[in-house]
């Protein structure tokens, strides 16, 4: 809208109290340079001190955007740290469970090895169990999280609070990969421990 038309429509007469302009894809340095150029041009035209904020106040939304981007980046990093710590705690927990399982199944492992099972097959069996436990537990948490989002969305008074909550397919695939790797790491030490079991010692185990 032309300035003259806006002044006529909104009865602003010959007053102009706000100017808004976009900077496109300009860098932060270029935006700051444009601000200084604008400040100098208006101060020369209207005769006031360029540093007088009462005469001219310039709000730089690029700085606000940078600030909010930094805040969300910090939140994102915090979520990653919490997630990594949770995975580490899960790996330790599952590893302890598998160690107990190997201890309780010492005789079974001894019988398998006495019947010709190779250390590789024993390691594969324990690793597979650890991966299955980790994957099932992880997907259970994923599904519960999605249902929780849906439930919260239904309870929200504002329909725009949660808009189509869900999990992206790429995120689900990445989570699957992380679960498989975490399960493998969790079961590695117990599997190697099981592979070292000697049949004669295992059969005597009480």
N, C-alpha and C. Protein backbone atom coordinates (compact mmCIF):
# COMPACT_ATOMS: atom_id res chain seq x y z
N UNK A 1 0.86 -1.19 0.00
CA UNK A 1 0.00 0.00 0.00
C UNK A 1 0.90 1.24 0.00
N UNK A 2 0.63 2.18 -0.87
CA UNK A 2 1.41 3.43 -0.86
C UNK A 2 1.21 4.18 0.45
N UNK A 3 2.25 4.91 0.88
CA UNK A 3 2.18 5.65 2.14
C UNK A 3 1.05 6.67 2.10
N UNK A 4 0.91 7.36 1.00
CA UNK A 4 -0.14 8.39 0.91
C UNK A 4 -1.53 7.77 1.06
N UNK A 5 -1.73 6.58 0.49
CA UNK A 5 -3.02 5.90 0.61
C UNK A 5 -3.27 5.46 2.05
N UNK A 6 -2.25 4.93 2.72
CA UNK A 6 -2.40 4.51 4.11
C UNK A 6 -2.72 5.69 5.02
N UNK A 7 -2.08 6.84 4.77
CA UNK A 7 -2.35 8.02 5.58
C UNK A 7 -3.79 8.49 5.39
N UNK A 8 -4.30 8.36 4.17
CA UNK A 8 -5.67 8.79 3.89
C UNK A 8 -6.68 7.82 4.49
N UNK A 9 -6.44 6.50 4.34
CA UNK A 9 -7.38 5.49 4.83
C UNK A 9 -7.44 5.49 6.35
N UNK A 10 -6.29 5.56 7.02
CA UNK A 10 -6.24 5.47 8.48
C UNK A 10 -6.19 6.83 9.16
N UNK A 11 -6.46 7.88 8.40
CA UNK A 11 -6.53 9.24 8.94
C UNK A 11 -5.26 9.62 9.70
N UNK A 12 -4.13 9.31 9.12
CA UNK A 12 -2.84 9.64 9.74
C UNK A 12 -2.31 11.00 9.30
N UNK A 13 -3.05 11.65 8.41
CA UNK A 13 -2.66 12.96 7.89
C UNK A 13 -1.22 12.90 7.36
N UNK A 14 -0.35 13.73 7.90
CA UNK A 14 1.02 13.76 7.38
C UNK A 14 2.01 13.12 8.36
N UNK A 15 1.48 12.20 9.18
CA UNK A 15 2.33 11.57 10.19
C UNK A 15 2.73 10.15 9.74
N UNK A 16 3.92 9.81 10.07
CA UNK A 16 4.44 8.47 9.77
C UNK A 16 5.24 8.00 10.99
N UNK A 17 4.73 7.00 11.70
CA UNK A 17 5.39 6.60 12.94
C UNK A 17 6.01 5.20 12.90
N UNK A 18 5.92 4.55 11.77
CA UNK A 18 6.51 3.22 11.70
C UNK A 18 6.90 2.88 10.26
N UNK A 19 8.09 2.31 10.12
CA UNK A 19 8.56 1.81 8.82
C UNK A 19 9.01 0.37 9.02
N UNK A 20 8.52 -0.50 8.20
CA UNK A 20 8.91 -1.91 8.28
C UNK A 20 9.46 -2.34 6.93
N UNK A 21 10.58 -3.06 6.97
CA UNK A 21 11.13 -3.57 5.72
C UNK A 21 11.82 -4.91 5.97
N UNK A 22 11.87 -5.70 4.93
CA UNK A 22 12.50 -7.01 5.03
C UNK A 22 13.90 -6.94 4.44
N UNK A 23 14.72 -7.90 4.85
CA UNK A 23 16.12 -7.91 4.41
C UNK A 23 16.46 -9.11 3.53
N UNK A 24 15.46 -9.92 3.23
CA UNK A 24 15.70 -11.07 2.35
C UNK A 24 16.69 -12.05 2.95
N UNK A 25 17.65 -12.46 2.16
CA UNK A 25 18.66 -13.44 2.60
C UNK A 25 19.95 -12.77 3.07
N UNK A 26 19.85 -11.51 3.47
CA UNK A 26 21.05 -10.79 3.90
C UNK A 26 21.64 -11.41 5.16
N UNK A 27 22.95 -11.35 5.27
CA UNK A 27 23.64 -11.87 6.45
C UNK A 27 23.42 -10.94 7.63
N UNK A 28 23.82 -11.41 8.81
CA UNK A 28 23.65 -10.59 10.02
C UNK A 28 24.46 -9.31 9.92
N UNK A 29 25.69 -9.42 9.38
CA UNK A 29 26.52 -8.23 9.22
C UNK A 29 25.87 -7.22 8.29
N UNK A 30 25.29 -7.72 7.20
CA UNK A 30 24.65 -6.83 6.24
C UNK A 30 23.40 -6.18 6.83
N UNK A 31 22.66 -6.94 7.64
CA UNK A 31 21.47 -6.38 8.30
C UNK A 31 21.87 -5.24 9.24
N UNK A 32 22.93 -5.46 10.03
CA UNK A 32 23.39 -4.40 10.94
C UNK A 32 23.87 -3.19 10.15
N UNK A 33 24.50 -3.43 9.01
CA UNK A 33 24.95 -2.32 8.17
C UNK A 33 23.75 -1.55 7.63
N UNK A 34 22.71 -2.25 7.23
CA UNK A 34 21.49 -1.59 6.73
C UNK A 34 20.83 -0.76 7.83
N UNK A 35 20.86 -1.26 9.06
CA UNK A 35 20.27 -0.52 10.19
C UNK A 35 21.02 0.80 10.40
N UNK A 36 22.35 0.72 10.37
CA UNK A 36 23.14 1.93 10.56
C UNK A 36 22.93 2.92 9.42
N UNK A 37 22.82 2.40 8.20
CA UNK A 37 22.57 3.28 7.05
C UNK A 37 21.21 3.96 7.19
N UNK A 38 20.21 3.20 7.62
CA UNK A 38 18.87 3.78 7.81
C UNK A 38 18.87 4.82 8.92
N UNK A 39 19.55 4.50 10.01
CA UNK A 39 19.62 5.43 11.14
C UNK A 39 20.28 6.75 10.72
N UNK A 40 21.37 6.65 9.97
CA UNK A 40 22.10 7.84 9.55
C UNK A 40 21.26 8.67 8.56
N UNK A 41 20.60 7.97 7.64
CA UNK A 41 19.80 8.67 6.63
C UNK A 41 18.67 9.44 7.29
N UNK A 42 17.96 8.81 8.24
CA UNK A 42 16.84 9.47 8.89
C UNK A 42 17.30 10.57 9.83
N UNK A 43 18.43 10.34 10.51
CA UNK A 43 18.93 11.39 11.42
C UNK A 43 19.38 12.62 10.64
N UNK A 44 19.97 12.42 9.49
CA UNK A 44 20.36 13.56 8.65
C UNK A 44 19.13 14.28 8.10
N UNK A 45 18.13 13.49 7.73
CA UNK A 45 16.93 14.07 7.12
C UNK A 45 16.08 14.82 8.15
N UNK A 46 15.92 14.24 9.37
CA UNK A 46 15.02 14.80 10.37
C UNK A 46 15.76 15.53 11.48
N UNK A 47 17.07 15.59 11.39
CA UNK A 47 17.93 16.37 12.31
C UNK A 47 17.75 15.89 13.75
N UNK A 48 18.30 14.75 14.07
CA UNK A 48 18.38 14.28 15.45
C UNK A 48 19.65 13.44 15.60
N UNK A 49 20.02 13.22 16.84
CA UNK A 49 21.22 12.43 17.10
C UNK A 49 20.97 10.97 16.72
N UNK A 50 21.87 10.37 15.95
CA UNK A 50 21.66 8.98 15.54
C UNK A 50 21.52 8.01 16.71
N UNK A 51 22.15 8.32 17.87
CA UNK A 51 22.10 7.42 19.02
C UNK A 51 20.93 7.68 19.95
N UNK A 52 20.07 8.64 19.60
CA UNK A 52 18.92 8.97 20.45
C UNK A 52 17.81 7.96 20.19
N UNK A 53 17.63 7.01 21.12
CA UNK A 53 16.62 5.96 20.94
C UNK A 53 15.20 6.49 21.06
N UNK A 54 15.03 7.66 21.73
CA UNK A 54 13.70 8.24 21.84
C UNK A 54 13.25 8.85 20.51
N UNK A 55 14.21 9.30 19.73
CA UNK A 55 13.88 9.86 18.42
C UNK A 55 13.64 8.77 17.38
N UNK A 56 14.43 7.69 17.49
CA UNK A 56 14.31 6.60 16.52
C UNK A 56 14.62 5.28 17.22
N UNK A 57 13.66 4.40 17.23
CA UNK A 57 13.86 3.07 17.79
C UNK A 57 13.76 2.05 16.67
N UNK A 58 14.79 1.23 16.55
CA UNK A 58 14.82 0.21 15.50
C UNK A 58 14.81 -1.16 16.16
N UNK A 59 13.82 -1.94 15.80
CA UNK A 59 13.72 -3.31 16.31
C UNK A 59 14.22 -4.27 15.24
N UNK A 60 15.26 -5.00 15.58
CA UNK A 60 15.88 -5.93 14.64
C UNK A 60 15.35 -7.35 14.91
N UNK A 61 14.43 -7.81 14.10
CA UNK A 61 13.86 -9.14 14.29
C UNK A 61 14.87 -10.25 13.99
N UNK A 62 15.91 -9.92 13.21
CA UNK A 62 16.94 -10.92 12.93
C UNK A 62 17.66 -11.31 14.21
N UNK A 63 17.88 -10.32 15.10
CA UNK A 63 18.52 -10.62 16.38
C UNK A 63 17.61 -11.47 17.25
N UNK A 64 16.30 -11.14 17.24
CA UNK A 64 15.35 -11.95 18.00
C UNK A 64 15.30 -13.38 17.47
N UNK A 65 15.31 -13.49 16.15
CA UNK A 65 15.30 -14.83 15.55
C UNK A 65 16.54 -15.62 15.97
N UNK A 66 17.68 -14.95 15.98
CA UNK A 66 18.92 -15.61 16.38
C UNK A 66 18.85 -16.04 17.84
N UNK A 67 18.25 -15.19 18.69
CA UNK A 67 18.14 -15.51 20.10
C UNK A 67 17.24 -16.73 20.31
N UNK A 68 16.07 -16.74 19.63
CA UNK A 68 15.15 -17.87 19.77
C UNK A 68 15.75 -19.14 19.18
N UNK A 69 16.51 -18.99 18.08
CA UNK A 69 17.17 -20.15 17.50
C UNK A 69 18.18 -20.74 18.48
N UNK A 70 18.91 -19.85 19.17
CA UNK A 70 19.86 -20.31 20.18
C UNK A 70 19.18 -21.02 21.33
N UNK A 71 18.02 -20.48 21.76
CA UNK A 71 17.27 -21.12 22.86
C UNK A 71 16.81 -22.51 22.45
N UNK A 72 16.24 -22.62 21.24
CA UNK A 72 15.75 -23.93 20.80
C UNK A 72 16.90 -24.90 20.54
N UNK A 73 18.06 -24.38 20.11
CA UNK A 73 19.23 -25.24 19.94
C UNK A 73 19.69 -25.79 21.29
N UNK A 74 19.65 -24.92 22.32
CA UNK A 74 20.00 -25.36 23.66
C UNK A 74 19.04 -26.43 24.18
N UNK A 75 17.73 -26.22 23.94
CA UNK A 75 16.74 -27.21 24.35
C UNK A 75 16.97 -28.53 23.62
N UNK A 76 17.27 -28.42 22.33
CA UNK A 76 17.52 -29.62 21.52
C UNK A 76 18.74 -30.38 22.04
N UNK A 77 19.80 -29.64 22.38
CA UNK A 77 21.00 -30.28 22.92
C UNK A 77 20.70 -30.94 24.26
N UNK A 78 19.90 -30.27 25.09
CA UNK A 78 19.53 -30.84 26.40
C UNK A 78 18.75 -32.13 26.22
N UNK A 79 17.82 -32.14 25.25
CA UNK A 79 17.04 -33.36 24.98
C UNK A 79 17.95 -34.48 24.51
N UNK A 80 18.93 -34.16 23.65
CA UNK A 80 19.89 -35.17 23.19
C UNK A 80 20.69 -35.74 24.36
N UNK A 81 21.13 -34.86 25.26
CA UNK A 81 21.91 -35.33 26.41
C UNK A 81 21.08 -36.27 27.28
N UNK A 82 19.83 -35.87 27.54
CA UNK A 82 18.94 -36.72 28.34
C UNK A 82 18.72 -38.06 27.64
N UNK A 83 18.51 -38.02 26.32
CA UNK A 83 18.30 -39.26 25.57
C UNK A 83 19.51 -40.18 25.61
N UNK A 84 20.71 -39.59 25.44
CA UNK A 84 21.93 -40.39 25.46
C UNK A 84 22.15 -41.01 26.84
N UNK A 85 21.92 -40.22 27.90
CA UNK A 85 22.07 -40.74 29.25
C UNK A 85 21.06 -41.85 29.52
N UNK A 86 19.84 -41.70 29.00
CA UNK A 86 18.83 -42.74 29.17
C UNK A 86 19.24 -44.02 28.47
N UNK A 87 19.78 -43.89 27.25
CA UNK A 87 20.23 -45.07 26.51
C UNK A 87 21.38 -45.77 27.25
N UNK A 88 22.31 -44.97 27.79
CA UNK A 88 23.43 -45.56 28.53
C UNK A 88 22.92 -46.32 29.76
N UNK A 89 21.95 -45.71 30.46
CA UNK A 89 21.38 -46.38 31.63
C UNK A 89 20.68 -47.67 31.22
N UNK A 90 19.97 -47.63 30.08
CA UNK A 90 19.30 -48.83 29.58
C UNK A 90 20.30 -49.91 29.19
N UNK A 91 21.40 -49.51 28.54
CA UNK A 91 22.43 -50.47 28.15
C UNK A 91 23.02 -51.17 29.37
N UNK A 92 23.31 -50.37 30.41
CA UNK A 92 23.86 -50.96 31.65
C UNK A 92 22.86 -51.91 32.28
N UNK A 93 21.59 -51.50 32.32
CA UNK A 93 20.56 -52.36 32.92
C UNK A 93 20.39 -53.66 32.17
N UNK A 94 20.31 -53.59 30.85
CA UNK A 94 20.13 -54.81 30.05
C UNK A 94 21.38 -55.68 30.13
N UNK A 95 22.55 -55.07 30.17
CA UNK A 95 23.78 -55.84 30.30
C UNK A 95 23.80 -56.62 31.60
N UNK A 96 23.35 -56.00 32.70
CA UNK A 96 23.28 -56.71 33.98
C UNK A 96 22.28 -57.86 33.93
N UNK A 97 21.13 -57.61 33.27
CA UNK A 97 20.13 -58.67 33.14
C UNK A 97 20.70 -59.85 32.36
N UNK A 98 21.41 -59.55 31.27
CA UNK A 98 21.98 -60.62 30.45
C UNK A 98 23.09 -61.36 31.19
N UNK A 99 23.84 -60.66 32.05
CA UNK A 99 24.87 -61.33 32.86
C UNK A 99 24.22 -62.33 33.81
N UNK A 100 23.11 -61.91 34.42
CA UNK A 100 22.39 -62.83 35.32
C UNK A 100 21.83 -64.00 34.53
N UNK A 101 21.30 -63.70 33.32
CA UNK A 101 20.75 -64.77 32.48
C UNK A 101 21.82 -65.78 32.10
N UNK A 102 23.00 -65.30 31.73
CA UNK A 102 24.11 -66.20 31.38
C UNK A 102 24.50 -67.06 32.57
N UNK A 103 24.52 -66.44 33.76
CA UNK A 103 24.88 -67.18 34.97
C UNK A 103 23.87 -68.28 35.26
N UNK A 104 22.57 -67.95 35.09
CA UNK A 104 21.52 -68.94 35.37
C UNK A 104 21.48 -70.04 34.32
N UNK A 105 21.97 -69.74 33.12
CA UNK A 105 21.90 -70.72 32.02
C UNK A 105 23.27 -71.35 31.74
N UNK A 106 24.12 -71.39 32.76
CA UNK A 106 25.45 -71.93 32.57
C UNK A 106 25.39 -73.39 32.12
N UNK A 107 24.52 -74.17 32.77
CA UNK A 107 24.41 -75.59 32.38
C UNK A 107 23.92 -75.73 30.95
N UNK A 108 22.91 -74.92 30.59
CA UNK A 108 22.38 -75.00 29.22
C UNK A 108 23.46 -74.68 28.20
N UNK A 109 24.24 -73.63 28.50
CA UNK A 109 25.32 -73.25 27.58
C UNK A 109 26.36 -74.37 27.50
N UNK A 110 26.66 -74.99 28.66
CA UNK A 110 27.61 -76.10 28.67
C UNK A 110 27.12 -77.27 27.84
N UNK A 111 25.83 -77.59 27.95
CA UNK A 111 25.27 -78.69 27.15
C UNK A 111 25.35 -78.36 25.67
N UNK A 112 25.01 -77.13 25.32
CA UNK A 112 25.08 -76.72 23.91
C UNK A 112 26.50 -76.89 23.36
N UNK A 113 27.47 -76.43 24.15
CA UNK A 113 28.86 -76.53 23.69
C UNK A 113 29.33 -77.98 23.65
N UNK A 114 28.84 -78.80 24.59
CA UNK A 114 29.20 -80.22 24.58
C UNK A 114 28.62 -80.93 23.36
N UNK A 115 27.47 -80.45 22.89
CA UNK A 115 26.84 -81.05 21.71
C UNK A 115 27.38 -80.47 20.40
N UNK A 116 28.34 -79.55 20.49
CA UNK A 116 28.98 -79.05 19.28
C UNK A 116 28.74 -77.60 18.95
N UNK A 117 28.06 -76.87 19.84
CA UNK A 117 27.83 -75.45 19.57
C UNK A 117 29.15 -74.69 19.61
N UNK A 118 29.38 -73.86 18.62
CA UNK A 118 30.62 -73.08 18.57
C UNK A 118 30.48 -71.83 19.43
N UNK A 119 31.63 -71.25 19.85
CA UNK A 119 31.55 -69.99 20.61
C UNK A 119 30.81 -68.89 19.87
N UNK A 120 30.94 -68.89 18.52
CA UNK A 120 30.24 -67.87 17.73
C UNK A 120 28.73 -68.02 17.84
N UNK A 121 28.24 -69.25 17.83
CA UNK A 121 26.79 -69.47 17.92
C UNK A 121 26.28 -69.07 19.30
N UNK A 122 27.09 -69.32 20.35
CA UNK A 122 26.68 -68.91 21.70
C UNK A 122 26.64 -67.38 21.80
N UNK A 123 27.67 -66.74 21.25
CA UNK A 123 27.70 -65.27 21.26
C UNK A 123 26.51 -64.71 20.48
N UNK A 124 26.21 -65.29 19.33
CA UNK A 124 25.09 -64.82 18.50
C UNK A 124 23.77 -64.97 19.25
N UNK A 125 23.61 -66.07 19.99
CA UNK A 125 22.36 -66.31 20.72
C UNK A 125 22.15 -65.24 21.79
N UNK A 126 23.20 -64.96 22.57
CA UNK A 126 23.07 -63.96 23.64
C UNK A 126 22.86 -62.57 23.06
N UNK A 127 23.60 -62.24 22.00
CA UNK A 127 23.44 -60.93 21.37
C UNK A 127 22.04 -60.75 20.82
N UNK A 128 21.51 -61.80 20.20
CA UNK A 128 20.16 -61.73 19.63
C UNK A 128 19.13 -61.48 20.73
N UNK A 129 19.28 -62.15 21.85
CA UNK A 129 18.34 -61.94 22.96
C UNK A 129 18.41 -60.49 23.46
N UNK A 130 19.63 -59.97 23.59
CA UNK A 130 19.79 -58.59 24.06
C UNK A 130 19.17 -57.60 23.09
N UNK A 131 19.38 -57.83 21.79
CA UNK A 131 18.81 -56.93 20.77
C UNK A 131 17.30 -57.00 20.79
N UNK A 132 16.73 -58.20 20.92
CA UNK A 132 15.27 -58.36 20.94
C UNK A 132 14.68 -57.64 22.16
N UNK A 133 15.30 -57.82 23.33
CA UNK A 133 14.80 -57.16 24.54
C UNK A 133 14.86 -55.64 24.38
N UNK A 134 15.99 -55.14 23.89
CA UNK A 134 16.15 -53.69 23.71
C UNK A 134 15.15 -53.13 22.71
N UNK A 135 14.98 -53.84 21.59
CA UNK A 135 14.08 -53.35 20.54
C UNK A 135 12.63 -53.35 21.01
N UNK A 136 12.22 -54.43 21.65
CA UNK A 136 10.83 -54.51 22.13
C UNK A 136 10.56 -53.42 23.17
N UNK A 137 11.49 -53.25 24.11
CA UNK A 137 11.31 -52.22 25.14
C UNK A 137 11.31 -50.82 24.51
N UNK A 138 12.21 -50.60 23.55
CA UNK A 138 12.29 -49.29 22.91
C UNK A 138 11.04 -48.96 22.12
N UNK A 139 10.54 -49.92 21.34
CA UNK A 139 9.34 -49.67 20.55
C UNK A 139 8.11 -49.53 21.44
N UNK A 140 8.11 -50.24 22.56
CA UNK A 140 7.00 -50.06 23.51
C UNK A 140 6.97 -48.62 24.01
N UNK A 141 8.16 -48.10 24.36
CA UNK A 141 8.24 -46.70 24.78
C UNK A 141 7.84 -45.73 23.67
N UNK A 142 8.24 -46.04 22.43
CA UNK A 142 7.89 -45.19 21.29
C UNK A 142 6.39 -45.14 21.08
N UNK A 143 5.76 -46.31 21.13
CA UNK A 143 4.30 -46.39 20.93
C UNK A 143 3.57 -45.67 22.07
N UNK A 144 4.02 -45.89 23.30
CA UNK A 144 3.39 -45.21 24.43
C UNK A 144 3.55 -43.70 24.32
N UNK A 145 4.71 -43.24 23.82
CA UNK A 145 4.92 -41.82 23.63
C UNK A 145 3.96 -41.22 22.61
N UNK A 146 3.76 -41.94 21.50
CA UNK A 146 2.84 -41.46 20.46
C UNK A 146 1.41 -41.41 20.99
N UNK A 147 0.99 -42.47 21.71
CA UNK A 147 -0.36 -42.48 22.28
C UNK A 147 -0.53 -41.38 23.33
N UNK A 148 0.53 -41.10 24.08
CA UNK A 148 0.46 -40.01 25.06
C UNK A 148 0.25 -38.67 24.37
N UNK A 149 0.97 -38.44 23.25
CA UNK A 149 0.78 -37.21 22.49
C UNK A 149 -0.65 -37.08 21.98
N UNK A 150 -1.17 -38.19 21.46
CA UNK A 150 -2.55 -38.17 20.96
C UNK A 150 -3.53 -37.87 22.09
N UNK A 151 -3.29 -38.46 23.25
CA UNK A 151 -4.19 -38.26 24.39
C UNK A 151 -4.14 -36.81 24.86
N UNK A 152 -2.92 -36.26 24.95
CA UNK A 152 -2.75 -34.86 25.38
C UNK A 152 -3.39 -33.93 24.35
N UNK A 153 -3.27 -34.29 23.07
CA UNK A 153 -3.89 -33.48 22.01
C UNK A 153 -5.40 -33.44 22.16
N UNK A 154 -5.98 -34.57 22.57
CA UNK A 154 -7.44 -34.61 22.75
C UNK A 154 -7.87 -33.77 23.95
N UNK A 155 -7.01 -33.73 25.00
CA UNK A 155 -7.37 -32.99 26.21
C UNK A 155 -7.10 -31.50 26.10
N UNK A 156 -6.23 -31.10 25.14
CA UNK A 156 -5.83 -29.70 25.04
C UNK A 156 -7.04 -28.83 24.70
N UNK A 157 -7.17 -27.73 25.43
CA UNK A 157 -8.29 -26.81 25.17
C UNK A 157 -8.10 -26.07 23.85
N UNK A 158 -6.85 -25.76 23.53
CA UNK A 158 -6.55 -25.08 22.27
C UNK A 158 -6.22 -26.13 21.21
N UNK A 159 -6.99 -26.24 20.14
CA UNK A 159 -6.73 -27.28 19.13
C UNK A 159 -5.40 -27.12 18.42
N UNK A 160 -4.80 -25.91 18.51
CA UNK A 160 -3.51 -25.70 17.85
C UNK A 160 -2.31 -26.00 18.75
N UNK A 161 -2.58 -26.43 19.99
CA UNK A 161 -1.48 -26.73 20.90
C UNK A 161 -0.65 -27.88 20.37
N UNK A 162 -1.31 -28.97 19.98
CA UNK A 162 -0.63 -30.11 19.36
C UNK A 162 -1.31 -30.37 18.03
N UNK A 163 -0.61 -30.07 16.95
CA UNK A 163 -1.18 -30.25 15.62
C UNK A 163 -0.61 -31.51 14.99
N UNK A 164 -1.47 -32.50 14.81
CA UNK A 164 -1.08 -33.77 14.19
C UNK A 164 0.18 -34.37 14.82
N UNK A 165 0.15 -34.68 16.12
CA UNK A 165 1.35 -35.25 16.75
C UNK A 165 1.67 -36.61 16.16
N UNK A 166 2.93 -36.91 16.04
CA UNK A 166 3.35 -38.19 15.49
C UNK A 166 4.87 -38.26 15.43
N UNK A 167 5.35 -39.36 14.90
CA UNK A 167 6.78 -39.60 14.79
C UNK A 167 7.13 -39.74 13.31
N UNK A 168 8.12 -39.00 12.87
CA UNK A 168 8.56 -39.08 11.48
C UNK A 168 9.16 -40.46 11.20
N UNK A 169 8.96 -40.96 9.98
CA UNK A 169 9.45 -42.29 9.62
C UNK A 169 10.96 -42.39 9.74
N UNK A 170 11.66 -41.33 9.33
CA UNK A 170 13.13 -41.35 9.42
C UNK A 170 13.58 -41.42 10.88
N UNK A 171 12.83 -40.75 11.78
CA UNK A 171 13.16 -40.81 13.20
C UNK A 171 12.96 -42.22 13.73
N UNK A 172 11.86 -42.87 13.30
CA UNK A 172 11.61 -44.24 13.73
C UNK A 172 12.70 -45.19 13.23
N UNK A 173 13.15 -45.00 11.99
CA UNK A 173 14.22 -45.85 11.47
C UNK A 173 15.53 -45.61 12.20
N UNK A 174 15.83 -44.36 12.49
CA UNK A 174 17.05 -44.05 13.24
C UNK A 174 16.97 -44.63 14.65
N UNK A 175 15.79 -44.56 15.26
CA UNK A 175 15.60 -45.14 16.59
C UNK A 175 15.82 -46.64 16.56
N UNK A 176 15.35 -47.28 15.50
CA UNK A 176 15.56 -48.73 15.36
C UNK A 176 17.04 -49.06 15.30
N UNK A 177 17.78 -48.29 14.52
CA UNK A 177 19.22 -48.50 14.41
C UNK A 177 19.90 -48.31 15.77
N UNK A 178 19.51 -47.25 16.48
CA UNK A 178 20.10 -46.99 17.80
C UNK A 178 19.79 -48.12 18.76
N UNK A 179 18.55 -48.65 18.71
CA UNK A 179 18.16 -49.74 19.60
C UNK A 179 18.96 -51.00 19.30
N UNK A 180 19.17 -51.29 18.02
CA UNK A 180 19.94 -52.48 17.65
C UNK A 180 21.38 -52.35 18.13
N UNK A 181 21.97 -51.17 17.91
CA UNK A 181 23.35 -50.94 18.35
C UNK A 181 23.44 -51.02 19.88
N UNK A 182 22.48 -50.38 20.57
CA UNK A 182 22.49 -50.40 22.04
C UNK A 182 22.33 -51.82 22.56
N UNK A 183 21.44 -52.60 21.93
CA UNK A 183 21.26 -53.99 22.34
C UNK A 183 22.51 -54.82 22.12
N UNK A 184 23.19 -54.57 21.01
CA UNK A 184 24.43 -55.30 20.72
C UNK A 184 25.51 -54.98 21.75
N UNK A 185 25.60 -53.68 22.09
CA UNK A 185 26.59 -53.28 23.10
C UNK A 185 26.24 -53.88 24.47
N UNK A 186 24.94 -53.87 24.80
CA UNK A 186 24.51 -54.39 26.09
C UNK A 186 24.78 -55.89 26.21
N UNK A 187 24.65 -56.62 25.12
CA UNK A 187 24.81 -58.07 25.17
C UNK A 187 26.21 -58.55 24.87
N UNK A 188 27.13 -57.63 24.51
CA UNK A 188 28.46 -58.05 24.07
C UNK A 188 29.26 -58.71 25.20
N UNK A 189 29.36 -58.05 26.35
CA UNK A 189 30.14 -58.61 27.46
C UNK A 189 29.53 -59.92 27.97
N UNK A 190 28.21 -59.98 28.22
CA UNK A 190 27.63 -61.26 28.64
C UNK A 190 27.84 -62.36 27.59
N UNK A 191 27.77 -62.00 26.29
CA UNK A 191 27.95 -63.00 25.24
C UNK A 191 29.38 -63.55 25.24
N UNK A 192 30.34 -62.65 25.39
CA UNK A 192 31.73 -63.10 25.46
C UNK A 192 31.97 -63.94 26.70
N UNK A 193 31.29 -63.59 27.80
CA UNK A 193 31.40 -64.37 29.02
C UNK A 193 30.83 -65.77 28.81
N UNK A 194 29.70 -65.83 28.11
CA UNK A 194 29.09 -67.14 27.84
C UNK A 194 29.95 -67.98 26.92
N UNK A 195 30.65 -67.34 25.97
CA UNK A 195 31.48 -68.09 25.03
C UNK A 195 32.68 -68.73 25.72
N UNK A 196 33.06 -68.20 26.88
CA UNK A 196 34.22 -68.73 27.61
C UNK A 196 33.85 -69.91 28.52
N UNK A 197 32.56 -70.20 28.63
CA UNK A 197 32.13 -71.29 29.52
C UNK A 197 32.64 -72.62 28.98
N UNK A 198 33.28 -73.38 29.87
CA UNK A 198 33.78 -74.71 29.48
C UNK A 198 32.72 -75.75 29.79
N UNK A 199 32.44 -76.65 28.86
CA UNK A 199 31.36 -77.62 29.08
C UNK A 199 31.51 -78.41 30.35
N UNK A 200 32.70 -78.89 30.66
CA UNK A 200 32.89 -79.73 31.84
C UNK A 200 32.62 -78.97 33.13
N UNK A 201 33.02 -77.67 33.15
CA UNK A 201 32.78 -76.84 34.32
C UNK A 201 31.30 -76.50 34.43
N UNK A 202 30.67 -76.22 33.28
CA UNK A 202 29.25 -75.85 33.26
C UNK A 202 28.37 -77.00 33.73
N UNK A 203 28.70 -78.23 33.36
CA UNK A 203 27.88 -79.37 33.74
C UNK A 203 27.98 -79.66 35.24
N UNK A 204 29.07 -79.22 35.84
CA UNK A 204 29.22 -79.41 37.29
C UNK A 204 28.60 -78.27 38.09
N UNK A 205 28.21 -77.20 37.40
CA UNK A 205 27.72 -76.01 38.07
C UNK A 205 26.38 -76.27 38.77
N UNK A 206 26.23 -75.78 39.98
CA UNK A 206 24.99 -75.95 40.74
C UNK A 206 24.26 -74.61 40.78
